[in-house]
C-alpha atoms as a PDB file:
ATOM      1  CA  MET A   1       8.069  70.344  19.024  1.00  0.00           C
ATOM      2  CA  TYR A   2       9.528  69.469  15.631  1.00  0.00           C
ATOM      3  CA  GLU A   3      12.254  67.362  17.266  1.00  0.00           C
ATOM      4  CA  ILE A   4       9.662  65.473  19.338  1.00  0.00           C
ATOM      5  CA  LEU A   5       7.593  64.649  16.260  1.00  0.00           C
ATOM      6  CA  LYS A   6      10.647  63.366  14.439  1.00  0.00           C
ATOM      7  CA  LYS A   7      11.574  61.122  17.357  1.00  0.00           C
ATOM      8  CA  LEU A   8       8.028  59.781  17.590  1.00  0.00           C
ATOM      9  CA  PHE A   9       7.971  59.067  13.844  1.00  0.00           C
ATOM     10  CA  ALA A  10      11.325  57.295  13.975  1.00  0.00           C
ATOM     11  CA  SER A  11      10.280  55.219  16.999  1.00  0.00           C
ATOM     12  CA  GLY A  12       6.957  54.260  15.400  1.00  0.00           C
ATOM     13  CA  PHE A  13       8.620  53.283  12.133  1.00  0.00           C
ATOM     14  CA  SER A  14      11.195  51.111  13.920  1.00  0.00           C
ATOM     15  CA  PHE A  15       8.506  49.510  16.067  1.00  0.00           C
ATOM     16  CA  GLY A  16       6.339  48.717  13.042  1.00  0.00           C
ATOM     17  CA  LEU A  17       9.311  47.143  11.261  1.00  0.00           C
ATOM     18  CA  ILE A  18      10.535  45.008  14.157  1.00  0.00           C
ATOM     19  CA  VAL A  19       7.247  43.735  15.610  1.00  0.00           C
ATOM     20  CA  PRO A  20       6.132  41.715  12.522  1.00  0.00           C
ATOM     21  CA  MET A  21       9.579  40.118  12.327  1.00  0.00           C
ATOM     22  CA  LEU A  22       9.420  39.134  16.000  1.00  0.00           C
ATOM     23  CA  ALA A  23       5.929  37.717  15.441  1.00  0.00           C
ATOM     24  CA  ILE A  24       7.181  35.602  12.545  1.00  0.00           C
ATOM     25  CA  LEU A  25      10.065  34.282  14.641  1.00  0.00           C
ATOM     26  CA  LEU A  26       7.626  33.440  17.436  1.00  0.00           C
ATOM     27  CA  ALA A  27       5.283  31.646  15.058  1.00  0.00           C
ATOM     28  CA  THR A  28       8.069  29.587  13.513  1.00  0.00           C
ATOM     29  CA  THR A  29       9.212  28.214  16.873  1.00  0.00           C
ATOM     30  CA  SER A  30       6.720  25.377  16.254  1.00  0.00           C
ATOM     31  CA  PRO A  31       7.759  23.918  12.873  1.00  0.00           C
ATOM     32  CA  VAL A  32       5.181  23.346  10.169  1.00  0.00           C
ATOM     33  CA  VAL A  33       6.937  20.261   8.831  1.00  0.00           C
ATOM     34  CA  ALA A  34       9.238  18.306  11.121  1.00  0.00           C
ATOM     35  CA  SER A  35       9.963  14.606  10.770  1.00  0.00           C
ATOM     36  CA  GLY A  36      10.874  12.501  13.751  1.00  0.00           C
ATOM     37  CA  ASP A  37       8.357  13.853  16.243  1.00  0.00           C
ATOM     38  CA  ASP A  38       6.877  11.424  18.747  1.00  0.00           C
ATOM     39  CA  CYS A  39       3.159  11.286  19.531  1.00  0.00           C
ATOM     40  CA  SER A  40       2.058  11.328  23.152  1.00  0.00           C
ATOM     41  CA  VAL A  41      -1.481  10.121  22.414  1.00  0.00           C
ATOM     42  CA  PRO A  42      -2.762   7.408  24.795  1.00  0.00           C
ATOM     43  CA  LEU A  43      -4.266   4.258  23.319  1.00  0.00           C
ATOM     44  CA  ASP A  44      -7.583   4.782  25.098  1.00  0.00           C
ATOM     45  CA  VAL A  45      -8.328   7.920  23.062  1.00  0.00           C
ATOM     46  CA  GLY A  46     -10.007   5.682  20.524  1.00  0.00           C
ATOM     47  CA  PHE A  47     -11.502   6.350  17.111  1.00  0.00           C
ATOM     48  CA  ASP A  48     -14.200   8.930  16.477  1.00  0.00           C
ATOM     49  CA  SER A  49     -16.120   8.219  13.256  1.00  0.00           C
ATOM     50  CA  SER A  50     -17.362  11.806  13.084  1.00  0.00           C
ATOM     51  CA  VAL A  51     -13.835  13.166  12.468  1.00  0.00           C
ATOM     52  CA  ALA A  52     -12.188  10.244  10.616  1.00  0.00           C
ATOM     53  CA  GLU A  53     -13.086   7.423   8.260  1.00  0.00           C
ATOM     54  CA  VAL A  54     -11.134   4.394   7.027  1.00  0.00           C
ATOM     55  CA  VAL A  55     -11.472   4.104   3.241  1.00  0.00           C
ATOM     56  CA  GLU A  56     -10.367   1.350   0.867  1.00  0.00           C
ATOM     57  CA  VAL A  57      -8.065   1.908  -2.078  1.00  0.00           C
ATOM     58  CA  ASP A  58     -10.336  -0.077  -4.411  1.00  0.00           C
ATOM     59  CA  ASP A  59     -13.500   1.854  -3.553  1.00  0.00           C
ATOM     60  CA  ASN A  60     -14.752   3.299  -6.833  1.00  0.00           C
ATOM     61  CA  PRO A  61     -15.066   7.064  -6.321  1.00  0.00           C
ATOM     62  CA  TRP A  62     -17.427   7.399  -9.342  1.00  0.00           C
ATOM     63  CA  ASN A  63     -20.994   6.190  -9.578  1.00  0.00           C
ATOM     64  CA  TRP A  64     -22.674   4.678 -12.635  1.00  0.00           C
ATOM     65  CA  TRP A  65     -23.804   8.028 -14.155  1.00  0.00           C
ATOM     66  CA  GLY A  66     -20.303   9.502 -14.064  1.00  0.00           C
ATOM     67  CA  GLN A  67     -20.469  11.784 -11.041  1.00  0.00           C
ATOM     68  CA  PRO A  68     -18.325  11.446  -7.916  1.00  0.00           C
ATOM     69  CA  ASN A  69     -19.858   9.749  -4.903  1.00  0.00           C
ATOM     70  CA  GLN A  70     -20.521  12.096  -2.019  1.00  0.00           C
ATOM     71  CA  ASN A  71     -18.977  10.874   1.213  1.00  0.00           C
ATOM     72  CA  PHE A  72     -20.499  12.149   4.412  1.00  0.00           C
ATOM     73  CA  ASP A  73     -18.917  15.348   5.660  1.00  0.00           C
ATOM     74  CA  LEU A  74     -16.457  14.959   8.492  1.00  0.00           C
ATOM     75  CA  LEU A  75     -16.046  17.356  11.371  1.00  0.00           C
ATOM     76  CA  PRO A  76     -12.738  19.264  11.534  1.00  0.00           C
ATOM     77  CA  LEU A  77     -10.037  17.302  13.327  1.00  0.00           C
ATOM     78  CA  THR A  78      -9.327  19.258  16.519  1.00  0.00           C
ATOM     79  CA  GLU A  79      -8.657  16.420  19.011  1.00  0.00           C
ATOM     80  CA  ASP A  80      -6.221  13.522  19.269  1.00  0.00           C
ATOM     81  CA  LEU A  81      -6.972  10.280  17.462  1.00  0.00           C
ATOM     82  CA  TYR A  82      -5.848   6.642  17.622  1.00  0.00           C
ATOM     83  CA  ILE A  83      -6.785   3.801  15.294  1.00  0.00           C
ATOM     84  CA  GLU A  84      -5.649   0.277  14.375  1.00  0.00           C
ATOM     85  CA  ILE A  85      -6.011  -0.897  10.771  1.00  0.00           C
ATOM     86  CA  ASP A  86      -5.709  -4.425   9.361  1.00  0.00           C
ATOM     87  CA  LEU A  87      -3.613  -4.081   6.204  1.00  0.00           C
ATOM     88  CA  GLN A  88      -3.638  -7.076   3.881  1.00  0.00           C
ATOM     89  CA  ARG A  89      -0.977  -8.161   1.437  1.00  0.00           C
ATOM     90  CA  ASN A  90      -0.856  -6.257  -1.868  1.00  0.00           C
ATOM     91  CA  TYR A  91      -3.420  -3.718  -0.662  1.00  0.00           C
ATOM     92  CA  ALA A  92      -3.751  -0.190   0.727  1.00  0.00           C
ATOM     93  CA  GLN A  93      -6.091   1.725   2.983  1.00  0.00           C
ATOM     94  CA  ALA A  94      -6.319   5.325   4.091  1.00  0.00           C
ATOM     95  CA  VAL A  95      -7.687   7.437   6.921  1.00  0.00           C
ATOM     96  CA  ARG A  96      -9.865  10.268   5.582  1.00  0.00           C
ATOM     97  CA  LEU A  97      -9.528  13.463   7.616  1.00  0.00           C
ATOM     98  CA  GLU A  98     -10.533  17.096   7.451  1.00  0.00           C
ATOM     99  CA  LEU A  99      -7.509  19.147   8.471  1.00  0.00           C
ATOM    100  CA  VAL A 100      -8.057  22.829   9.224  1.00  0.00           C
ATOM    101  CA  THR A 101      -5.940  25.885   9.916  1.00  0.00           C
ATOM    102  CA  GLY A 102      -4.999  26.890  13.436  1.00  0.00           C
ATOM    103  CA  TYR A 103      -3.759  23.421  14.411  1.00  0.00           C
ATOM    104  CA  SER A 104      -0.562  21.420  14.063  1.00  0.00           C
ATOM    105  CA  TYR A 105      -0.966  17.709  13.269  1.00  0.00           C
ATOM    106  CA  THR A 106       1.616  15.098  14.206  1.00  0.00           C
ATOM    107  CA  PHE A 107       1.157  11.657  12.624  1.00  0.00           C
ATOM    108  CA  CYS A 108       2.827   8.564  14.048  1.00  0.00           C
ATOM    109  CA  VAL A 109       2.520   5.258  12.179  1.00  0.00           C
ATOM    110  CA  GLU A 110       3.837   1.821  13.144  1.00  0.00           C
ATOM    111  CA  PHE A 111       3.603  -1.397  11.117  1.00  0.00           C
ATOM    112  CA  ASN A 112       3.266  -4.673  13.068  1.00  0.00           C
ATOM    113  CA  SER A 113       2.849  -8.324  12.065  1.00  0.00           C
ATOM    114  CA  ASP A 114      -0.673  -9.699  12.091  1.00  0.00           C
ATOM    115  CA  PRO A 115      -0.615 -12.811  14.321  1.00  0.00           C
ATOM    116  CA  ASP A 116      -3.305 -14.482  12.189  1.00  0.00           C
ATOM    117  CA  ASN A 117      -1.207 -14.251   8.994  1.00  0.00           C
ATOM    118  CA  PRO A 118       2.240 -12.926   9.919  1.00  0.00           C
ATOM    119  CA  PRO A 119       4.777 -12.100   7.193  1.00  0.00           C
ATOM    120  CA  THR A 120       8.049 -13.997   7.132  1.00  0.00           C
ATOM    121  CA  GLU A 121      10.022 -10.774   6.753  1.00  0.00           C
ATOM    122  CA  ASP A 122      10.221  -7.561   8.747  1.00  0.00           C
ATOM    123  CA  PRO A 123       6.863  -5.733   8.470  1.00  0.00           C
ATOM    124  CA  LYS A 124       7.467  -2.515   6.542  1.00  0.00           C
ATOM    125  CA  GLY A 125       5.249  -0.306   4.452  1.00  0.00           C
ATOM    126  CA  ASP A 126       4.783   3.098   2.890  1.00  0.00           C
ATOM    127  CA  VAL A 127       2.995   6.099   4.363  1.00  0.00           C
ATOM    128  CA  TYR A 128       1.676   8.938   2.220  1.00  0.00           C
ATOM    129  CA  LEU A 129      -0.345  12.031   2.999  1.00  0.00           C
ATOM    130  CA  PHE A 130      -2.553  13.004   0.039  1.00  0.00           C
ATOM    131  CA  ASP A 131      -5.007  15.715  -0.802  1.00  0.00           C
ATOM    132  CA  SER A 132      -8.238  14.535  -2.421  1.00  0.00           C
ATOM    133  CA  ALA A 133      -7.008  14.953  -6.011  1.00  0.00           C
ATOM    134  CA  ASN A 134      -3.863  12.868  -5.547  1.00  0.00           C
ATOM    135  CA  TRP A 135      -5.756  10.252  -3.564  1.00  0.00           C
ATOM    136  CA  ARG A 136      -7.930   9.773  -6.669  1.00  0.00           C
ATOM    137  CA  ARG A 137      -4.808   9.388  -8.822  1.00  0.00           C
ATOM    138  CA  TYR A 138      -3.431   6.893  -6.300  1.00  0.00           C
ATOM    139  CA  GLN A 139      -6.653   4.868  -6.547  1.00  0.00           C
ATOM    140  CA  ASP A 140      -6.541   4.986 -10.350  1.00  0.00           C
ATOM    141  CA  GLU A 141      -2.971   3.693 -10.371  1.00  0.00           C
ATOM    142  CA  TYR A 142      -3.879   0.848  -8.023  1.00  0.00           C
ATOM    143  CA  GLU A 143      -6.805  -0.118 -10.258  1.00  0.00           C
ATOM    144  CA  MET A 144      -4.630  -0.006 -13.378  1.00  0.00           C
ATOM    145  CA  SER A 145      -1.928  -2.057 -11.651  1.00  0.00           C
ATOM    146  CA  SER A 146      -4.498  -4.668 -10.553  1.00  0.00           C
ATOM    147  CA  GLU A 147      -5.656  -5.011 -14.153  1.00  0.00           C
ATOM    148  CA  GLY A 148      -2.103  -5.220 -15.498  1.00  0.00           C
ATOM    149  CA  TRP A 149      -2.044  -1.729 -17.025  1.00  0.00           C
ATOM    150  CA  GLU A 150       1.048  -0.257 -15.429  1.00  0.00           C
ATOM    151  CA  THR A 151       2.689   2.890 -16.789  1.00  0.00           C
ATOM    152  CA  PRO A 152       6.282   2.055 -17.804  1.00  0.00           C
ATOM    153  CA  GLU A 153       8.962   3.962 -15.930  1.00  0.00           C
ATOM    154  CA  GLU A 154      10.506   5.026 -19.240  1.00  0.00           C
ATOM    155  CA  VAL A 155       7.279   6.804 -20.197  1.00  0.00           C
ATOM    156  CA  ILE A 156       7.149   8.638 -16.874  1.00  0.00           C
ATOM    157  CA  ASP A 157      10.743   9.791 -17.303  1.00  0.00           C
ATOM    158  CA  MET A 158       9.857  11.257 -20.705  1.00  0.00           C
ATOM    159  CA  ILE A 159       7.135  13.473 -19.215  1.00  0.00           C
ATOM    160  CA  PRO A 160       8.352  16.919 -18.054  1.00  0.00           C
ATOM    161  CA  VAL A 161       8.370  17.372 -14.291  1.00  0.00           C
ATOM    162  CA  GLU A 162       5.860  20.227 -14.397  1.00  0.00           C
ATOM    163  CA  TRP A 163       3.336  17.947 -16.163  1.00  0.00           C
ATOM    164  CA  ARG A 164       4.107  14.728 -14.326  1.00  0.00           C
ATOM    165  CA  ASP A 165       1.562  15.344 -11.575  1.00  0.00           C
ATOM    166  CA  MET A 166      -1.190  14.822 -14.164  1.00  0.00           C
ATOM    167  CA  VAL A 167      -0.055  11.224 -14.672  1.00  0.00           C
ATOM    168  CA  VAL A 168       1.314  10.012 -11.327  1.00  0.00           C
ATOM    169  CA  PHE A 169       0.242  10.754  -7.771  1.00  0.00           C
ATOM    170  CA  LEU A 170       2.190  13.189  -5.612  1.00  0.00           C
ATOM    171  CA  PRO A 171       2.232  13.357  -1.804  1.00  0.00           C
ATOM    172  CA  PHE A 172       0.991  16.464  -0.039  1.00  0.00           C
ATOM    173  CA  ARG A 173       3.372  19.383  -0.653  1.00  0.00           C
ATOM    174  CA  ASP A 174       5.508  16.924  -2.632  1.00  0.00           C
ATOM    175  CA  ALA A 175       7.204  15.998   0.664  1.00  0.00           C
ATOM    176  CA  HIS A 176       5.025  13.744   2.818  1.00  0.00           C
ATOM    177  CA  ALA A 177       6.120  10.356   1.471  1.00  0.00           C
ATOM    178  CA  TYR A 178       7.711   7.946   3.980  1.00  0.00           C
ATOM    179  CA  GLU A 179       8.609   4.706   2.273  1.00  0.00           C
ATOM    180  CA  GLU A 180       9.903   1.325   3.448  1.00  0.00           C
ATOM    181  CA  LYS A 181       9.384   2.196   7.115  1.00  0.00           C
ATOM    182  CA  ARG A 182       8.709   0.032  10.137  1.00  0.00           C
ATOM    183  CA  SER A 183       7.639   3.168  11.997  1.00  0.00           C
ATOM    184  CA  THR A 184       7.636   6.847  11.106  1.00  0.00           C
ATOM    185  CA  SER A 185       6.324  10.183  12.345  1.00  0.00           C
ATOM    186  CA  PHE A 186       5.911  13.604  10.801  1.00  0.00           C
ATOM    187  CA  SER A 187       4.114  16.890  11.411  1.00  0.00           C
ATOM    188  CA  THR A 188       2.248  19.289   9.180  1.00  0.00           C
ATOM    189  CA  ALA A 189      -0.074  22.294   9.384  1.00  0.00           C
ATOM    190  CA  LEU A 190      -2.246  24.171   6.924  1.00  0.00           C
ATOM    191  CA  ASP A 191      -1.691  27.809   6.018  1.00  0.00           C
ATOM    192  CA  ASN A 192      -5.087  28.209   4.331  1.00  0.00           C
ATOM    193  CA  ASP A 193      -8.299  26.334   3.611  1.00  0.00           C
ATOM    194  CA  ASN A 194      -7.949  26.315  -0.166  1.00  0.00           C
ATOM    195  CA  LYS A 195      -8.976  23.080  -1.868  1.00  0.00           C
ATOM    196  CA  ALA A 196      -6.559  21.334  -4.192  1.00  0.00           C
ATOM    197  CA  PHE A 197      -9.358  19.933  -6.343  1.00  0.00           C
ATOM    198  CA  ILE A 198     -12.623  21.623  -7.399  1.00  0.00           C
ATOM    199  CA  SER A 199     -15.294  19.427  -8.903  1.00  0.00           C
ATOM    200  CA  TRP A 200     -17.074  20.502 -12.094  1.00  0.00           C
ATOM    201  CA  PHE A 201     -20.268  19.182 -10.564  1.00  0.00           C
ATOM    202  CA  GLY A 202     -20.390  21.713  -7.729  1.00  0.00           C
ATOM    203  CA  ASP A 203     -18.866  19.840  -4.812  1.00  0.00           C
ATOM    204  CA  ASN A 204     -19.260  22.112  -1.776  1.00  0.00           C
ATOM    205  CA  SER A 205     -17.581  19.854   0.746  1.00  0.00           C
ATOM    206  CA  ASP A 206     -14.556  20.946   2.741  1.00  0.00           C
ATOM    207  CA  ALA A 207     -10.989  20.073   1.812  1.00  0.00           C
ATOM    208  CA  GLU A 208     -10.112  16.485   2.740  1.00  0.00           C
ATOM    209  CA  TYR A 209      -6.807  14.712   3.275  1.00  0.00           C
ATOM    210  CA  PHE A 210      -5.937  11.023   3.221  1.00  0.00           C
ATOM    211  CA  LEU A 211      -3.276   9.262   5.278  1.00  0.00           C
ATOM    212  CA  ALA A 212      -2.544   6.305   3.006  1.00  0.00           C
ATOM    213  CA  LEU A 213      -1.013   3.053   4.311  1.00  0.00           C
ATOM    214  CA  ASP A 214       0.585   1.160   1.451  1.00  0.00           C
ATOM    215  CA  ASN A 215       1.455  -2.554   1.154  1.00  0.00           C
ATOM    216  CA  TRP A 216       1.690  -2.896  -2.634  1.00  0.00           C
ATOM    217  CA  ASN A 217       4.299  -2.100  -5.234  1.00  0.00           C
ATOM    218  CA  ASN A 218       3.320   1.291  -6.670  1.00  0.00           C
ATOM    219  CA  SER A 219       5.124   3.283  -9.381  1.00  0.00           C
ATOM    220  CA  ARG A 220       7.430   5.206  -7.040  1.00  0.00           C
ATOM    221  CA  PRO A 221      10.997   3.832  -7.271  1.00  0.00           C
ATOM    222  CA  ASN A 222      11.729   3.889  -3.519  1.00  0.00           C
ATOM    223  CA  ASP A 223       8.533   2.307  -2.203  1.00  0.00           C
ATOM    224  CA  ALA A 224       8.609  -0.831  -0.076  1.00  0.00           C
ATOM    225  CA  SER A 225       8.183  -4.258  -1.573  1.00  0.00           C
ATOM    226  CA  VAL A 226       5.050  -6.232  -0.840  1.00  0.00           C
ATOM    227  CA  VAL A 227       5.409  -8.251   2.375  1.00  0.00           C
ATOM    228  CA  ASP A 228       4.198 -11.849   2.191  1.00  0.00           C
ATOM    229  CA  GLY A 229       1.599 -11.505   4.909  1.00  0.00           C
ATOM    230  CA  ASP A 230      -0.780  -9.168   6.677  1.00  0.00           C
ATOM    231  CA  MET A 231       0.045  -6.299   9.013  1.00  0.00           C
ATOM    232  CA  ILE A 232      -1.661  -4.380  11.785  1.00  0.00           C
ATOM    233  CA  VAL A 233      -0.969  -0.664  11.468  1.00  0.00           C
ATOM    234  CA  GLN A 234      -1.197   1.603  14.503  1.00  0.00           C
ATOM    235  CA  VAL A 235      -1.904   5.258  13.769  1.00  0.00           C
ATOM    236  CA  TRP A 236      -1.665   8.110  16.242  1.00  0.00           C
ATOM    237  CA  VAL A 237      -2.670  11.665  15.359  1.00  0.00           C
ATOM    238  CA  GLU A 238      -1.730  14.337  17.874  1.00  0.00           C
ATOM    239  CA  VAL A 239      -3.449  17.710  17.481  1.00  0.00           C
ATOM    240  CA  GLU A 240      -2.028  20.885  18.994  1.00  0.00           C
ATOM    241  CA  ASP A 241      -3.002  24.530  18.770  1.00  0.00           C
ATOM    242  CA  ARG A 242      -0.811  26.505  16.416  1.00  0.00           C
ATOM    243  CA  LEU A 243      -0.119  30.221  16.393  1.00  0.00           C
ATOM    244  CA  THR A 244      -1.254  31.590  13.039  1.00  0.00           C
ATOM    245  CA  LEU A 245      -0.266  35.080  12.006  1.00  0.00           C
ATOM    246  CA  PRO A 246      -2.962  37.245  10.412  1.00  0.00           C
ATOM    247  CA  LYS A 247      -2.721  37.700   6.665  1.00  0.00           C
ATOM    248  CA  PHE A 248      -2.043  41.422   6.880  1.00  0.00           C
ATOM    249  CA  THR A 249       1.342  40.645   8.472  1.00  0.00           C
ATOM    250  CA  ALA A 250       2.703  39.648   5.081  1.00  0.00           C
ATOM    251  CA  TYR A 251       1.550  42.943   3.575  1.00  0.00           C
ATOM    252  CA  ILE A 252       3.255  44.840   6.404  1.00  0.00           C
ATOM    253  CA  ILE A 253       6.545  43.031   5.833  1.00  0.00           C
ATOM    254  CA  VAL A 254       6.366  43.386   2.065  1.00  0.00           C
ATOM    255  CA  GLY A 255       5.457  47.062   2.323  1.00  0.00           C
ATOM    256  CA  LEU A 256       7.824  48.169   5.086  1.00  0.00           C
ATOM    257  CA  LEU A 257      10.993  46.793   3.599  1.00  0.00           C
ATOM    258  CA  PRO A 258      10.769  48.744   0.305  1.00  0.00           C
ATOM    259  CA  LEU A 259       9.527  51.841   2.130  1.00  0.00           C
ATOM    260  CA  SER A 260      12.475  51.693   4.492  1.00  0.00           C
ATOM    261  CA  CYS A 261      14.818  51.939   1.503  1.00  0.00           C
ATOM    262  CA  VAL A 262      13.118  55.207   0.571  1.00  0.00           C
ATOM    263  CA  ILE A 263      12.212  56.758   3.914  1.00  0.00           C
ATOM    264  CA  VAL A 264      15.487  56.106   5.745  1.00  0.00           C
ATOM    265  CA  PRO A 265      17.651  57.963   3.156  1.00  0.00           C
ATOM    266  CA  ILE A 266      15.157  60.851   3.170  1.00  0.00           C
ATOM    267  CA  ILE A 267      15.341  61.123   6.958  1.00  0.00           C
ATOM    268  CA  MET A 268      19.145  60.994   6.929  1.00  0.00           C
ATOM    269  CA  HIS A 269      19.267  63.576   4.136  1.00  0.00           C
ATOM    270  CA  SER A 270      16.909  65.955   5.944  1.00  0.00           C
ATOM    271  CA  ARG A 271      18.772  65.593   9.224  1.00  0.00           C
ATOM    272  CA  TYR A 272      22.074  66.283   7.479  1.00  0.00           C
ATOM    273  CA  HIS A 273      20.820  69.489   5.865  1.00  0.00           C
ATOM    274  CA  SER A 274      18.885  70.671   8.904  1.00  0.00           C
ATOM    275  CA  SER A 275      21.957  70.372  11.113  1.00  0.00           C
ATOM    276  CA  GLY A 276      23.629  73.238   9.213  1.00  0.00           C
ATOM    277  CA  THR A 277      20.650  75.596   9.487  1.00  0.00           C
ATOM    278  CA  GLU A 278      20.034  75.236  13.219  1.00  0.00           C
ATOM    279  CA  GLU A 279      20.717  78.370  15.181  1.00  0.00           C
ATOM    280  CA  SER A 280      23.338  78.035  17.834  1.00  0.00           C
ATOM    281  CA  GLN A 281      22.138  78.710  21.374  1.00  0.00           C
ATOM    282  CA  ASP A 282      25.602  79.571  22.691  1.00  0.00           C
ATOM    283  CA  LYS A 283      26.198  83.175  23.692  1.00  0.00           C
ATOM    284  CA  LYS A 284      28.815  84.975  21.710  1.00  0.00           C
ATOM    285  CA  GLU A 285      31.698  86.369  23.746  1.00  0.00           C
ATOM    286  CA  LEU A 286      33.043  89.704  22.587  1.00  0.00           C
ATOM    287  CA  VAL A 287      36.750  90.211  22.664  1.00  0.00           C
ATOM    288  CA  PRO A 288      37.404  93.483  24.545  1.00  0.00           C
ATOM    289  CA  LEU A 289      39.304  96.174  22.719  1.00  0.00           C
ATOM    290  CA  LEU A 290      42.720  96.974  24.060  1.00  0.00           C
ATOM    291  CA  GLU A 291      42.980 100.527  25.149  1.00  0.00           C
ATOM    292  CA  GLN A 292      45.970 102.402  23.917  1.00  0.00           C
END
C-alpha cells in the first residue's frame, strides 16, 4: 500500500508540473506580437461606429472648465473592421478602439495617393498604436509643434530614459511604432484590462486605444517626412479568438518549480534509506552439514 501511495504521489506531482508548461506552449502558438501578418478582412465588412471612432489630432481633449471631455463609450471590438480615412498633409488622425482580453488583433494599414490632391512622391506615413495617456501626449506635441513650440532634441537627450515618457509620447508597449511605411501590419493582444491612465476626476470608462495615422514631422527621429499632398489610408482590423490561460497558472508554475527543488531531493533521500531497511522476500537456503 505504501508503494502504491508513493507512485500515485510521484505521478501526480509530475503531472501537475508538466501540464501548466504544456498549456503555456499551447497558448504561445499564436504570438501576441508578430509583425508582417496579413489581414484577410473583406472590404465589404465596413465600419461600425459603435465599436470604432475616427478622431482628429487637433481635437481639444479638455473643456473650458479644465475637465476632460467624455467621449461616448465604445463597445468592445470583437469583430473584423475596415475603414478608409482621408489623411491631409501635415496632419494626423486616429481610430479609437476598445480592445479587450480574449482576442488577438491584427492591424493592416496601407497608404495610397488621394486622386484629388496626389503627392508627387511615394505616399508613406507613420503608424502608431497608443493607449489613452500617450495619445494625449501625442496631441499635445502636435499642438505645440503647430504653434512653433517644439522640444529641442538636445533637451530630450538630457532627460533620463525612465523619465522621458513624461515628456514625449511612447507607442503601446514601447514597440508598436511603424514609421516611413507604404504598408505595414502587426498583431497584438491584451493580457489584462488594466488602464494605463486614471483620471483624477473619476473617469469610469473602459481602457481605450488609438491607432494613429501620421503625416507630419513629429519628434521621433525615424518618422516619415511630410508628403506634399493628401493620402487615403486603408485600415483593416482582423479579430480572432485567443486562448488565455487562467491567472492561477502563473502561481502553479512559480510554486511548483521551487517546491520541486525541495521535494525531489527528499523523495530520493527517503527512497535511498528505505531501500536498505526493506526485508528480503527470498528464502534462505541452508547449507547441509557434511556427515563425518
